[in-house]
Amino acid sequence: MLIITKIQTKELKAIGRANTREYEDLAIPALDFSSKKELVQEVLDAYDLGELTTLSHVSSPNVLKATVEKDNVAYHLSAKIHEE
């Protein structure tokens, strides 16, 4: 079982304070996913966060980082992966 914790989105904007939102932890079966892209898509689907635009490949194996877009607004998505 994979536990996705510290799920957070931060609005990407040039001027003004970015809105940050935190989400509940998400538990998903480990066998259903073979890549970080699939894990990010599961988080997006679970919380209706929009569409994946960019996936960060430089982060550590236990961190998810991506840029997503919903309603023509871009957000930075970050989360941590724990295996049980």
N, C-alpha and C. Protein backbone atom coordinates (compact mmCIF):
# COMPACT_ATOMS: atom_id res chain seq x y z
N MET A 1 0.85 -1.17 0.00
CA MET A 1 0.00 0.00 0.00
C MET A 1 0.90 1.24 0.00
N LEU A 2 0.60 2.15 -0.88
CA LEU A 2 1.30 3.44 -0.91
C LEU A 2 0.45 4.49 -0.22
N ILE A 3 1.08 5.28 0.62
CA ILE A 3 0.40 6.38 1.30
C ILE A 3 1.00 7.68 0.76
N ILE A 4 0.16 8.50 0.17
CA ILE A 4 0.59 9.80 -0.34
C ILE A 4 0.22 10.82 0.73
N THR A 5 1.23 11.48 1.30
CA THR A 5 1.01 12.43 2.40
C THR A 5 1.46 13.83 2.01
N LYS A 6 1.12 14.76 2.84
CA LYS A 6 1.51 16.17 2.66
C LYS A 6 1.20 16.67 1.25
N ILE A 7 0.02 16.30 0.75
CA ILE A 7 -0.41 16.73 -0.58
C ILE A 7 -0.76 18.21 -0.51
N GLN A 8 -0.15 18.98 -1.38
CA GLN A 8 -0.33 20.43 -1.34
C GLN A 8 -0.30 21.02 -2.75
N THR A 9 -1.15 21.99 -2.99
CA THR A 9 -1.08 22.75 -4.24
C THR A 9 -0.81 24.20 -3.90
N LYS A 10 -0.05 24.84 -4.76
CA LYS A 10 0.27 26.25 -4.60
C LYS A 10 0.06 26.93 -5.94
N GLU A 11 -0.78 27.95 -5.94
CA GLU A 11 -1.09 28.66 -7.18
C GLU A 11 0.16 29.35 -7.70
N LEU A 12 0.40 29.22 -8.99
CA LEU A 12 1.55 29.87 -9.62
C LEU A 12 1.09 31.22 -10.17
N LYS A 13 1.58 32.28 -9.57
CA LYS A 13 1.22 33.61 -10.03
C LYS A 13 2.41 34.53 -9.92
N ALA A 14 2.50 35.51 -10.80
CA ALA A 14 3.64 36.42 -10.85
C ALA A 14 3.54 37.53 -9.81
N ILE A 15 2.34 37.97 -9.53
CA ILE A 15 2.15 39.10 -8.61
C ILE A 15 1.19 38.68 -7.50
N GLY A 16 1.53 39.06 -6.29
CA GLY A 16 0.65 38.76 -5.16
C GLY A 16 1.00 37.45 -4.49
N ARG A 17 0.31 37.22 -3.40
CA ARG A 17 0.55 36.03 -2.60
C ARG A 17 -0.12 34.81 -3.24
N ALA A 18 0.62 33.73 -3.30
CA ALA A 18 0.10 32.49 -3.88
C ALA A 18 -0.82 31.79 -2.88
N ASN A 19 -1.93 31.29 -3.36
CA ASN A 19 -2.86 30.54 -2.51
C ASN A 19 -2.35 29.11 -2.39
N THR A 20 -2.23 28.63 -1.15
CA THR A 20 -1.79 27.27 -0.88
C THR A 20 -2.95 26.48 -0.29
N ARG A 21 -3.08 25.24 -0.72
CA ARG A 21 -4.15 24.39 -0.21
C ARG A 21 -3.58 23.02 0.10
N GLU A 22 -3.97 22.46 1.25
CA GLU A 22 -3.51 21.14 1.66
C GLU A 22 -4.66 20.15 1.59
N TYR A 23 -4.32 18.88 1.30
CA TYR A 23 -5.32 17.83 1.13
C TYR A 23 -5.04 16.67 2.08
N GLU A 24 -6.06 15.87 2.31
CA GLU A 24 -5.94 14.68 3.17
C GLU A 24 -5.01 13.66 2.53
N ASP A 25 -4.40 12.81 3.36
CA ASP A 25 -3.55 11.73 2.86
C ASP A 25 -4.39 10.78 2.00
N LEU A 26 -3.71 10.13 1.07
CA LEU A 26 -4.38 9.24 0.13
C LEU A 26 -3.68 7.88 0.15
N ALA A 27 -4.43 6.81 0.38
CA ALA A 27 -3.88 5.45 0.37
C ALA A 27 -4.31 4.75 -0.92
N ILE A 28 -3.33 4.18 -1.61
CA ILE A 28 -3.62 3.48 -2.86
C ILE A 28 -2.81 2.18 -2.93
N PRO A 29 -3.33 1.15 -3.59
CA PRO A 29 -2.59 -0.12 -3.72
C PRO A 29 -1.30 0.08 -4.52
N ALA A 30 -0.19 -0.40 -4.00
CA ALA A 30 1.11 -0.22 -4.65
C ALA A 30 1.20 -0.94 -5.99
N LEU A 31 0.49 -2.02 -6.16
CA LEU A 31 0.59 -2.81 -7.39
C LEU A 31 -0.04 -2.13 -8.59
N ASP A 32 -0.88 -1.13 -8.36
CA ASP A 32 -1.58 -0.47 -9.46
C ASP A 32 -0.72 0.56 -10.19
N PHE A 33 0.46 0.89 -9.67
CA PHE A 33 1.23 1.99 -10.23
C PHE A 33 2.68 1.60 -10.45
N SER A 34 3.20 1.98 -11.62
CA SER A 34 4.59 1.66 -11.94
C SER A 34 5.42 2.92 -12.15
N SER A 35 4.80 4.10 -12.13
CA SER A 35 5.56 5.33 -12.36
C SER A 35 5.00 6.48 -11.54
N LYS A 36 5.82 7.49 -11.37
CA LYS A 36 5.38 8.69 -10.65
C LYS A 36 4.26 9.40 -11.41
N LYS A 37 4.32 9.34 -12.72
CA LYS A 37 3.27 9.98 -13.52
C LYS A 37 1.91 9.38 -13.19
N GLU A 38 1.85 8.07 -13.05
CA GLU A 38 0.59 7.40 -12.69
C GLU A 38 0.15 7.78 -11.28
N LEU A 39 1.10 7.93 -10.36
CA LEU A 39 0.76 8.35 -9.00
C LEU A 39 0.20 9.76 -8.99
N VAL A 40 0.83 10.66 -9.73
CA VAL A 40 0.33 12.04 -9.81
C VAL A 40 -1.07 12.05 -10.39
N GLN A 41 -1.29 11.26 -11.43
CA GLN A 41 -2.62 11.22 -12.05
C GLN A 41 -3.66 10.71 -11.06
N GLU A 42 -3.31 9.75 -10.22
CA GLU A 42 -4.24 9.25 -9.21
C GLU A 42 -4.60 10.34 -8.21
N VAL A 43 -3.62 11.14 -7.78
CA VAL A 43 -3.88 12.26 -6.87
C VAL A 43 -4.78 13.28 -7.55
N LEU A 44 -4.49 13.60 -8.80
CA LEU A 44 -5.31 14.57 -9.54
C LEU A 44 -6.75 14.09 -9.65
N ASP A 45 -6.93 12.82 -9.95
CA ASP A 45 -8.28 12.27 -10.09
C ASP A 45 -9.01 12.23 -8.74
N ALA A 46 -8.30 11.87 -7.68
CA ALA A 46 -8.92 11.75 -6.37
C ALA A 46 -9.45 13.08 -5.85
N TYR A 47 -8.74 14.16 -6.11
CA TYR A 47 -9.12 15.47 -5.58
C TYR A 47 -9.57 16.45 -6.66
N ASP A 48 -9.79 15.97 -7.89
CA ASP A 48 -10.25 16.81 -9.00
C ASP A 48 -9.38 18.07 -9.12
N LEU A 49 -8.07 17.84 -9.31
CA LEU A 49 -7.11 18.95 -9.35
C LEU A 49 -6.74 19.40 -10.75
N GLY A 50 -7.39 18.88 -11.76
CA GLY A 50 -7.11 19.34 -13.12
C GLY A 50 -6.25 18.37 -13.90
N GLU A 51 -5.45 18.92 -14.82
CA GLU A 51 -4.64 18.10 -15.71
C GLU A 51 -3.15 18.30 -15.46
N LEU A 52 -2.40 17.23 -15.58
CA LEU A 52 -0.95 17.28 -15.44
C LEU A 52 -0.35 17.99 -16.64
N THR A 53 0.51 18.99 -16.39
CA THR A 53 1.20 19.66 -17.49
C THR A 53 2.69 19.35 -17.49
N THR A 54 3.30 19.24 -16.31
CA THR A 54 4.73 18.95 -16.22
C THR A 54 5.01 18.10 -14.99
N LEU A 55 5.82 17.07 -15.15
CA LEU A 55 6.23 16.22 -14.04
C LEU A 55 7.71 16.44 -13.77
N SER A 56 8.07 16.67 -12.52
CA SER A 56 9.47 16.85 -12.15
C SER A 56 10.15 15.49 -12.04
N HIS A 57 11.24 15.31 -12.77
CA HIS A 57 11.98 14.05 -12.72
C HIS A 57 13.22 14.14 -11.84
N VAL A 58 13.51 15.30 -11.29
CA VAL A 58 14.73 15.48 -10.50
C VAL A 58 14.50 15.32 -9.01
N SER A 59 13.28 15.17 -8.59
CA SER A 59 13.01 15.04 -7.16
C SER A 59 13.38 13.65 -6.67
N SER A 60 13.50 13.50 -5.36
CA SER A 60 13.88 12.21 -4.78
C SER A 60 12.78 11.18 -5.03
N PRO A 61 13.09 9.90 -4.89
CA PRO A 61 12.10 8.84 -5.15
C PRO A 61 10.86 8.92 -4.26
N ASN A 62 10.97 9.56 -3.11
CA ASN A 62 9.85 9.63 -2.17
C ASN A 62 9.07 10.93 -2.26
N VAL A 63 9.32 11.72 -3.30
CA VAL A 63 8.65 13.02 -3.44
C VAL A 63 7.98 13.10 -4.81
N LEU A 64 6.76 13.59 -4.81
CA LEU A 64 6.06 13.89 -6.06
C LEU A 64 6.05 15.40 -6.25
N LYS A 65 6.43 15.85 -7.42
CA LYS A 65 6.37 17.27 -7.76
C LYS A 65 5.89 17.37 -9.20
N ALA A 66 4.93 18.25 -9.40
CA ALA A 66 4.38 18.41 -10.74
C ALA A 66 3.73 19.77 -10.86
N THR A 67 3.49 20.17 -12.10
CA THR A 67 2.70 21.36 -12.38
C THR A 67 1.41 20.88 -13.01
N VAL A 68 0.30 21.41 -12.50
CA VAL A 68 -1.01 21.02 -13.00
C VAL A 68 -1.80 22.27 -13.38
N GLU A 69 -2.82 22.07 -14.18
CA GLU A 69 -3.65 23.20 -14.60
C GLU A 69 -5.12 22.84 -14.46
N LYS A 70 -5.86 23.78 -13.86
CA LYS A 70 -7.31 23.62 -13.73
C LYS A 70 -7.96 24.97 -13.93
N ASP A 71 -8.95 25.03 -14.79
CA ASP A 71 -9.68 26.28 -15.08
C ASP A 71 -8.74 27.40 -15.50
N ASN A 72 -7.76 27.07 -16.35
CA ASN A 72 -6.78 28.04 -16.87
C ASN A 72 -5.90 28.67 -15.79
N VAL A 73 -5.75 28.00 -14.66
CA VAL A 73 -4.86 28.45 -13.59
C VAL A 73 -3.84 27.34 -13.34
N ALA A 74 -2.55 27.70 -13.26
CA ALA A 74 -1.49 26.72 -13.02
C ALA A 74 -1.20 26.61 -11.53
N TYR A 75 -0.92 25.38 -11.10
CA TYR A 75 -0.61 25.10 -9.71
C TYR A 75 0.61 24.20 -9.63
N HIS A 76 1.39 24.36 -8.57
CA HIS A 76 2.49 23.45 -8.26
C HIS A 76 1.93 22.42 -7.28
N LEU A 77 2.07 21.15 -7.60
CA LEU A 77 1.62 20.06 -6.74
C LEU A 77 2.83 19.41 -6.11
N SER A 78 2.78 19.19 -4.81
CA SER A 78 3.85 18.47 -4.13
C SER A 78 3.24 17.48 -3.14
N ALA A 79 3.93 16.37 -2.93
CA ALA A 79 3.47 15.35 -1.99
C ALA A 79 4.63 14.42 -1.66
N LYS A 80 4.45 13.64 -0.60
CA LYS A 80 5.45 12.65 -0.21
C LYS A 80 4.84 11.26 -0.33
N ILE A 81 5.69 10.30 -0.70
CA ILE A 81 5.26 8.92 -0.89
C ILE A 81 5.84 8.06 0.23
N HIS A 82 4.98 7.29 0.89
CA HIS A 82 5.41 6.34 1.91
C HIS A 82 4.83 4.98 1.54
N GLU A 83 5.63 3.94 1.74
CA GLU A 83 5.14 2.59 1.44
C GLU A 83 4.92 1.83 2.74
N GLU A 84 3.78 1.17 2.84
CA GLU A 84 3.47 0.36 4.02
C GLU A 84 3.41 -1.10 3.66
